[in-house]
Amino acid sequence: MRERDGTPPGHADERTAVLMLHGRSIPVLPGFDLEYKSYSWADALAKAGYDVFMIDLQGSGLSPRPKMDDPRNVNPAQQHLLKPRPPGFTPGPPNYPFQLTNSNSDRDELNTVVEWIIRERKVEKVAFIGWSAAAFTMGPYAVKNPGKVSSLFLLAPIFPPDGTSNAPDPLPRPGFPMSVSTKSGTWNGWGNEALCAGQREPAMEHVVWDAIMQSDPVGSTWGPEGEGLNRIRNFARWGWNRTTAAQGGVLGGSVPVLIAYGEHDRQANTSSEDPELNFSVPALYNAIGGDHKLMVKLDCAGHSVVWEMQHKNVHNLSKHWLKHLKVDGKTQGIFNMDTNGAISPAP
């Protein structure tokens, strides 16, 4: 866990705690606290007076990575990427033939941190900010624990409206603990969403990758010399769908929700015949049961908007949300945000 405490001296009784959670493949340091120019979202919130916490779930970033130091536990289809081979490594089936974590364990970890913040910082509730696959953890947790969550800001949330509600049987789920990605493979995927001039600084490819490698002392020694591999935990997920989003009217009710996403995001908006891989951000907005819900589409932005030209506008949007729980003076509606940060109702 990382913390940037921006609570003004002498105002501890007015402390507002914010908890930020990463997605599937990017740890918190490069995702939320990138120390390069103005890109640290956590720093922007701390400077606005918030006490900001960031956590790496088990298997990500600088958290414990059980079963992930053995290169044989990489997805067998990707083991050819481990060149030069780590000492003693021979390609083959995983030693631990299961996925690493699951929805229950992730939510348990989140709860441990939430309860620590409430206890140690003496706050009643915690404001959530989640990026991408963080929605799988923060969304259902907020539904079940509205007394601990003051609001929910989801950036580019992954949401399968017809995803399964039930845990797979058996658990742990058969498979492998991790997959890996190369620097070029990672940026080729994000590059497909950079469709506007100046959408992303050329330097970001190297700055972000270096931060990912700082978060992974083992993965940074694998793969091409001097480049490394990003180790990505493999987890079983369930319980995040239109049924969950509507349950009890909690989301949009006692837990106000703001959703933001890039117009060019092809990771949070997909078209698949597999309901587990068919994602839709607008479907999440429609599924939320309560009325206090807002959605903002960001012009010239992709899934990696935290490293793009719109990043400052995202920071400002989150600060405004945390203070007012409104967008353009409203508590419900769908909006567009241009690259200057101007907000207007969607057509």
Protein backbone atom coordinates (compact mmCIF):
# COMPACT_ATOMS: atom_id res chain seq x y z
CA MET A 1 0.00 0.00 0.00
CA ARG A 2 1.16 3.53 -0.86
CA GLU A 3 -0.14 6.72 0.73
CA ARG A 4 -0.02 10.40 -0.20
CA ASP A 5 -1.60 12.25 2.70
CA GLY A 6 -2.71 15.72 1.66
CA THR A 7 -4.79 16.39 4.78
CA PRO A 8 -3.91 19.94 5.93
CA PRO A 9 -2.10 20.10 9.31
CA GLY A 10 -4.56 20.55 12.14
CA HIS A 11 -7.50 19.27 10.07
CA ALA A 12 -7.34 15.55 10.82
CA ASP A 13 -10.98 15.61 11.92
CA GLU A 14 -11.91 16.72 8.37
CA ARG A 15 -9.85 14.02 6.64
CA THR A 16 -11.31 12.53 3.46
CA ALA A 17 -9.81 9.16 2.60
CA VAL A 18 -9.57 8.01 -1.02
CA LEU A 19 -8.60 4.48 -2.04
CA MET A 20 -7.33 3.80 -5.57
CA LEU A 21 -7.28 0.31 -7.09
CA HIS A 22 -5.49 -0.87 -10.24
CA GLY A 23 -6.74 -2.99 -13.10
CA ARG A 24 -5.62 -6.36 -14.45
CA SER A 25 -2.13 -5.62 -15.76
CA ILE A 26 -0.87 -2.27 -14.42
CA PRO A 27 0.24 -1.85 -10.77
CA VAL A 28 -0.49 1.30 -8.77
CA LEU A 29 2.91 2.98 -9.16
CA PRO A 30 2.77 3.43 -12.95
CA GLY A 31 -1.02 3.63 -12.96
CA PHE A 32 -1.76 6.17 -10.22
CA ASP A 33 1.51 7.54 -8.92
CA LEU A 34 3.74 7.98 -11.96
CA GLU A 35 6.38 10.51 -10.93
CA TYR A 36 6.72 12.16 -14.33
CA LYS A 37 5.57 15.70 -15.07
CA SER A 38 1.89 16.04 -14.06
CA TYR A 39 0.89 12.40 -14.49
CA SER A 40 0.57 11.34 -10.83
CA TRP A 41 -3.15 11.20 -10.18
CA ALA A 42 -2.54 10.44 -6.50
CA ASP A 43 -0.33 13.49 -6.12
CA ALA A 44 -2.96 15.71 -7.75
CA LEU A 45 -5.58 14.49 -5.25
CA ALA A 46 -3.22 14.87 -2.30
CA LYS A 47 -2.47 18.46 -3.31
CA ALA A 48 -6.23 19.04 -3.30
CA GLY A 49 -6.34 18.00 0.36
CA TYR A 50 -7.21 14.30 0.20
CA ASP A 51 -5.58 11.42 2.03
CA VAL A 52 -4.87 9.05 -0.86
CA PHE A 53 -4.18 5.34 -0.52
CA MET A 54 -3.23 2.93 -3.32
CA ILE A 55 -3.02 -0.84 -3.06
CA ASP A 56 -1.49 -3.58 -5.16
CA LEU A 57 -3.57 -6.73 -4.83
CA GLN A 58 -1.74 -10.01 -4.31
CA GLY A 59 0.13 -10.91 -7.47
CA SER A 60 0.49 -7.32 -8.71
CA GLY A 61 3.20 -4.68 -8.35
CA LEU A 62 5.14 -4.75 -5.10
CA SER A 63 2.63 -6.99 -3.32
CA PRO A 64 3.48 -10.61 -2.46
CA ARG A 65 3.53 -12.77 -5.60
CA PRO A 66 3.21 -16.37 -4.39
CA LYS A 67 3.79 -19.00 -7.10
CA MET A 68 4.90 -16.26 -9.52
CA ASP A 69 8.67 -16.35 -9.07
CA ASP A 70 8.87 -19.76 -10.76
CA PRO A 71 8.98 -19.14 -14.54
CA ARG A 72 7.34 -22.51 -15.13
CA ASN A 73 4.13 -20.99 -13.77
CA VAL A 74 3.89 -18.65 -16.77
CA ASN A 75 1.14 -19.42 -19.28
CA PRO A 76 2.69 -22.32 -21.26
CA ALA A 77 1.74 -20.62 -24.54
CA GLN A 78 3.94 -17.66 -23.56
CA GLN A 79 6.98 -19.42 -22.16
CA HIS A 80 8.84 -18.83 -25.43
CA LEU A 81 9.01 -15.15 -24.43
CA LEU A 82 11.39 -15.99 -21.58
CA LYS A 83 14.57 -15.44 -23.57
CA PRO A 84 17.21 -15.55 -22.36
CA ARG A 85 15.89 -18.29 -20.10
CA PRO A 86 16.03 -17.67 -16.35
CA PRO A 87 18.55 -19.96 -14.63
CA GLY A 88 17.33 -23.53 -14.37
CA PHE A 89 14.19 -22.90 -16.44
CA THR A 90 12.94 -25.57 -18.82
CA PRO A 91 9.61 -24.93 -20.60
CA GLY A 92 6.83 -27.19 -19.44
CA PRO A 93 3.54 -27.39 -17.54
CA PRO A 94 3.13 -25.16 -14.45
CA ASN A 95 4.16 -26.40 -11.02
CA TYR A 96 1.02 -24.77 -9.63
CA PRO A 97 -1.70 -25.59 -12.18
CA PHE A 98 -4.26 -23.08 -10.93
CA GLN A 99 -5.20 -19.44 -11.29
CA LEU A 100 -3.59 -17.31 -8.60
CA THR A 101 -6.51 -15.43 -6.99
CA ASN A 102 -10.25 -14.95 -7.39
CA SER A 103 -13.08 -12.49 -6.76
CA ASN A 104 -13.50 -13.55 -3.14
CA SER A 105 -9.82 -13.19 -2.24
CA ASP A 106 -9.57 -9.82 -4.02
CA ARG A 107 -12.58 -8.44 -2.15
CA ASP A 108 -11.22 -9.79 1.13
CA GLU A 109 -7.94 -7.94 0.51
CA LEU A 110 -9.85 -4.76 -0.33
CA ASN A 111 -11.89 -5.10 2.85
CA THR A 112 -8.75 -5.49 4.96
CA VAL A 113 -7.39 -2.21 3.62
CA VAL A 114 -10.72 -0.37 3.94
CA GLU A 115 -11.10 -1.42 7.56
CA TRP A 116 -7.50 -0.39 8.29
CA ILE A 117 -8.07 3.07 6.80
CA ILE A 118 -11.32 3.55 8.72
CA ARG A 119 -9.69 2.45 11.96
CA GLU A 120 -6.30 4.13 11.66
CA ARG A 121 -7.40 7.36 9.99
CA LYS A 122 -10.63 7.65 11.99
CA VAL A 123 -12.94 8.19 9.03
CA GLU A 124 -16.44 6.82 8.63
CA LYS A 125 -16.21 5.87 4.98
CA VAL A 126 -13.73 5.66 2.11
CA ALA A 127 -14.15 7.09 -1.40
CA PHE A 128 -13.24 4.57 -4.12
CA ILE A 129 -11.43 5.25 -7.39
CA GLY A 130 -10.89 2.26 -9.66
CA TRP A 131 -9.44 1.85 -13.14
CA SER A 132 -10.37 -0.85 -15.62
CA ALA A 133 -10.71 -4.31 -14.01
CA ALA A 134 -10.78 -2.69 -10.55
CA ALA A 135 -14.53 -2.53 -11.19
CA PHE A 136 -14.73 -6.31 -10.65
CA THR A 137 -13.60 -5.77 -7.07
CA MET A 138 -14.84 -2.32 -6.09
CA GLY A 139 -18.29 -2.56 -7.66
CA PRO A 140 -19.54 -5.69 -5.86
CA TYR A 141 -17.75 -4.65 -2.66
CA ALA A 142 -19.60 -1.32 -2.61
CA VAL A 143 -22.91 -3.12 -3.17
CA LYS A 144 -22.29 -5.36 -0.16
CA ASN A 145 -20.66 -2.70 2.06
CA PRO A 146 -22.41 0.65 1.47
CA GLY A 147 -21.70 1.65 5.06
CA LYS A 148 -17.97 1.75 4.30
CA VAL A 149 -17.98 3.37 0.84
CA SER A 150 -18.85 7.05 0.36
CA SER A 151 -18.70 7.15 -3.46
CA LEU A 152 -17.43 5.27 -6.49
CA PHE A 153 -15.43 6.74 -9.40
CA LEU A 154 -14.79 4.17 -12.13
CA LEU A 155 -12.43 5.01 -14.98
CA ALA A 156 -12.78 2.78 -18.06
CA PRO A 157 -14.57 0.08 -16.04
CA ILE A 158 -14.63 -3.47 -17.35
CA PHE A 159 -18.24 -4.62 -17.12
CA PRO A 160 -19.73 -7.77 -18.68
CA PRO A 161 -23.50 -7.16 -18.39
CA ASP A 162 -24.28 -10.86 -18.85
CA GLY A 163 -21.29 -12.22 -16.92
CA THR A 164 -21.76 -15.06 -14.47
CA SER A 165 -22.97 -14.44 -10.94
CA ASN A 166 -21.67 -17.73 -9.55
CA ALA A 167 -18.23 -18.82 -8.44
CA PRO A 168 -16.70 -21.57 -10.56
CA ASP A 169 -16.42 -25.03 -9.11
CA PRO A 170 -13.87 -26.13 -8.10
CA LEU A 171 -11.73 -23.39 -6.60
CA PRO A 172 -8.89 -22.71 -7.03
CA ARG A 173 -9.64 -22.64 -10.74
CA PRO A 174 -7.40 -24.88 -12.89
CA GLY A 175 -4.99 -23.01 -15.13
CA PHE A 176 -1.75 -21.15 -14.40
CA PRO A 177 -0.84 -18.30 -12.00
CA MET A 178 0.31 -15.67 -14.50
CA SER A 179 0.71 -14.43 -18.01
CA VAL A 180 3.38 -12.03 -19.23
CA SER A 181 3.55 -9.13 -21.66
CA THR A 182 6.45 -7.58 -23.53
CA LYS A 183 7.07 -3.86 -23.86
CA SER A 184 6.26 -3.86 -27.58
CA GLY A 185 3.18 -6.04 -27.15
CA THR A 186 1.85 -3.81 -24.41
CA TRP A 187 2.27 -0.60 -26.37
CA ASN A 188 1.04 -2.02 -29.65
CA GLY A 189 -2.28 -2.71 -27.93
CA TRP A 190 -2.52 0.77 -26.48
CA GLY A 191 -1.29 2.33 -29.70
CA ASN A 192 -4.36 1.04 -31.53
CA GLU A 193 -6.41 3.48 -29.45
CA ALA A 194 -4.22 6.56 -30.06
CA LEU A 195 -6.25 8.06 -32.88
CA CYS A 196 -5.85 11.80 -32.23
CA ALA A 197 -2.84 14.00 -32.91
CA GLY A 198 -0.93 14.56 -29.70
CA GLN A 199 -3.07 12.09 -27.76
CA ARG A 200 0.01 10.65 -26.07
CA GLU A 201 3.57 11.87 -25.60
CA PRO A 202 6.09 9.60 -27.37
CA ALA A 203 8.16 9.41 -24.17
CA MET A 204 5.33 7.72 -22.28
CA GLU A 205 6.08 4.34 -23.82
CA HIS A 206 9.45 4.30 -22.04
CA VAL A 207 8.48 6.19 -18.87
CA VAL A 208 5.55 3.90 -18.10
CA TRP A 209 7.42 0.70 -18.93
CA ASP A 210 10.29 1.72 -16.65
CA ALA A 211 7.79 2.28 -13.82
CA ILE A 212 6.21 -1.13 -14.45
CA MET A 213 9.64 -2.72 -14.22
CA GLN A 214 10.36 -0.84 -10.97
CA SER A 215 7.24 -2.53 -9.61
CA ASP A 216 8.46 -5.99 -10.62
CA PRO A 217 12.04 -6.81 -9.56
CA VAL A 218 11.71 -10.39 -10.84
CA GLY A 219 9.86 -9.80 -14.12
CA SER A 220 12.33 -7.05 -14.98
CA THR A 221 15.06 -9.73 -15.20
CA TRP A 222 13.07 -11.95 -17.57
CA GLY A 223 12.69 -11.66 -21.33
CA PRO A 224 14.81 -9.47 -23.61
CA GLU A 225 17.91 -8.17 -21.87
CA GLY A 226 17.42 -4.68 -20.53
CA GLU A 227 13.68 -4.73 -21.25
CA GLY A 228 12.01 -7.30 -19.00
CA LEU A 229 8.51 -8.73 -18.93
CA ASN A 230 5.41 -7.54 -17.13
CA ARG A 231 4.05 -10.38 -14.99
CA ILE A 232 0.23 -10.32 -14.85
CA ARG A 233 -1.64 -12.34 -12.27
CA ASN A 234 -4.30 -14.74 -13.53
CA PHE A 235 -7.50 -14.55 -11.49
CA ALA A 236 -10.97 -16.11 -11.58
CA ARG A 237 -13.79 -13.56 -11.56
CA TRP A 238 -17.53 -13.59 -11.14
CA GLY A 239 -20.36 -11.58 -9.61
CA TRP A 240 -20.10 -8.34 -11.61
CA ASN A 241 -22.97 -7.93 -14.07
CA ARG A 242 -26.28 -6.09 -14.54
CA THR A 243 -27.82 -8.03 -11.65
CA THR A 244 -25.08 -6.93 -9.25
CA ALA A 245 -25.10 -3.32 -10.47
CA ALA A 246 -28.85 -3.04 -9.81
CA GLN A 247 -28.91 -4.93 -6.51
CA GLY A 248 -30.81 -3.07 -3.82
CA GLY A 249 -30.38 0.24 -5.60
CA VAL A 250 -27.12 0.68 -3.66
CA LEU A 251 -25.03 1.88 -6.60
CA GLY A 252 -26.42 5.24 -7.53
CA GLY A 253 -28.25 5.31 -4.21
CA SER A 254 -26.32 5.35 -0.94
CA VAL A 255 -23.14 4.99 -3.05
CA PRO A 256 -23.14 7.67 -5.80
CA VAL A 257 -21.32 6.58 -8.98
CA LEU A 258 -19.38 8.46 -11.64
CA ILE A 259 -18.17 6.58 -14.72
CA ALA A 260 -15.62 8.03 -17.15
CA TYR A 261 -14.16 6.45 -20.28
CA GLY A 262 -12.34 7.34 -23.47
CA GLU A 263 -14.14 7.56 -26.79
CA HIS A 264 -11.51 5.29 -28.41
CA ASP A 265 -11.45 2.69 -25.61
CA ARG A 266 -11.63 -0.75 -27.22
CA GLN A 267 -10.80 -2.69 -24.07
CA ALA A 268 -13.76 -1.58 -21.95
CA ASN A 269 -16.10 -1.73 -24.96
CA THR A 270 -15.94 -4.96 -26.92
CA SER A 271 -18.11 -7.15 -29.10
CA SER A 272 -17.87 -10.83 -28.25
CA GLU A 273 -20.22 -13.78 -28.38
CA ASP A 274 -18.70 -14.90 -25.07
CA PRO A 275 -20.70 -13.10 -22.34
CA GLU A 276 -17.64 -13.11 -20.08
CA LEU A 277 -15.68 -11.10 -22.66
CA ASN A 278 -18.45 -8.85 -23.94
CA PHE A 279 -17.81 -5.55 -22.13
CA SER A 280 -19.79 -2.30 -22.25
CA VAL A 281 -19.36 0.90 -20.26
CA PRO A 282 -22.79 2.33 -21.26
CA ALA A 283 -24.38 -0.97 -20.17
CA LEU A 284 -22.98 -0.36 -16.67
CA TYR A 285 -24.54 3.09 -16.53
CA ASN A 286 -27.89 1.65 -17.62
CA ALA A 287 -27.68 -1.23 -15.14
CA ILE A 288 -26.97 0.85 -12.03
CA GLY A 289 -30.14 0.78 -9.97
CA GLY A 290 -30.05 4.19 -8.26
CA ASP A 291 -30.56 7.65 -9.72
CA HIS A 292 -27.32 9.29 -8.51
CA LYS A 293 -25.21 8.16 -11.44
CA LEU A 294 -23.23 10.01 -14.09
CA MET A 295 -21.22 9.02 -17.14
CA VAL A 296 -18.62 11.12 -18.96
CA LYS A 297 -17.11 10.19 -22.33
CA LEU A 298 -13.66 11.72 -22.84
CA ASP A 299 -12.77 12.99 -26.30
CA CYS A 300 -9.48 11.78 -27.84
CA ALA A 301 -8.82 9.21 -25.12
CA GLY A 302 -8.27 5.47 -24.94
CA HIS A 303 -8.11 2.89 -22.18
CA SER A 304 -4.73 4.25 -21.05
CA VAL A 305 -6.10 7.77 -20.58
CA VAL A 306 -4.10 8.15 -17.33
CA TRP A 307 -1.01 8.63 -19.56
CA GLU A 308 -2.64 10.70 -22.28
CA MET A 309 -3.41 14.37 -22.94
CA GLN A 310 -6.69 14.07 -21.05
CA HIS A 311 -5.02 13.00 -17.79
CA LYS A 312 -5.23 16.43 -16.13
CA ASN A 313 -8.90 16.67 -17.01
CA VAL A 314 -9.46 13.26 -15.41
CA HIS A 315 -7.68 14.50 -12.28
CA ASN A 316 -9.86 17.61 -12.18
CA LEU A 317 -13.02 15.62 -12.82
CA SER A 318 -12.24 13.33 -9.89
CA LYS A 319 -11.47 16.26 -7.58
CA HIS A 320 -14.76 17.93 -8.50
CA TRP A 321 -16.60 14.64 -7.99
CA LEU A 322 -15.07 14.00 -4.57
CA LYS A 323 -16.03 17.49 -3.41
CA HIS A 324 -19.48 17.90 -4.96
CA LEU A 325 -20.64 14.44 -6.15
CA LYS A 326 -21.92 16.20 -9.27
CA VAL A 327 -21.01 16.86 -12.89
CA ASP A 328 -22.04 20.17 -14.44
CA GLY A 329 -24.22 20.73 -11.37
CA LYS A 330 -26.18 17.52 -11.94
CA THR A 331 -26.39 14.18 -10.14
CA GLN A 332 -27.61 12.21 -13.13
CA GLY A 333 -26.91 12.20 -16.82
CA ILE A 334 -24.51 11.45 -19.66
CA PHE A 335 -21.89 13.99 -20.72
CA ASN A 336 -18.98 14.55 -23.07
CA MET A 337 -15.68 16.16 -22.10
CA ASP A 338 -13.51 17.81 -24.74
CA THR A 339 -9.73 18.04 -24.58
CA ASN A 340 -9.96 21.42 -22.85
CA GLY A 341 -11.95 19.89 -20.02
CA ALA A 342 -15.23 21.50 -21.04
CA ILE A 343 -18.25 19.35 -20.22
CA SER A 344 -21.50 19.29 -22.18
CA PRO A 345 -24.57 17.03 -22.14
CA ALA A 346 -24.25 14.16 -24.60
CA PRO A 347 -26.54 14.38 -27.65
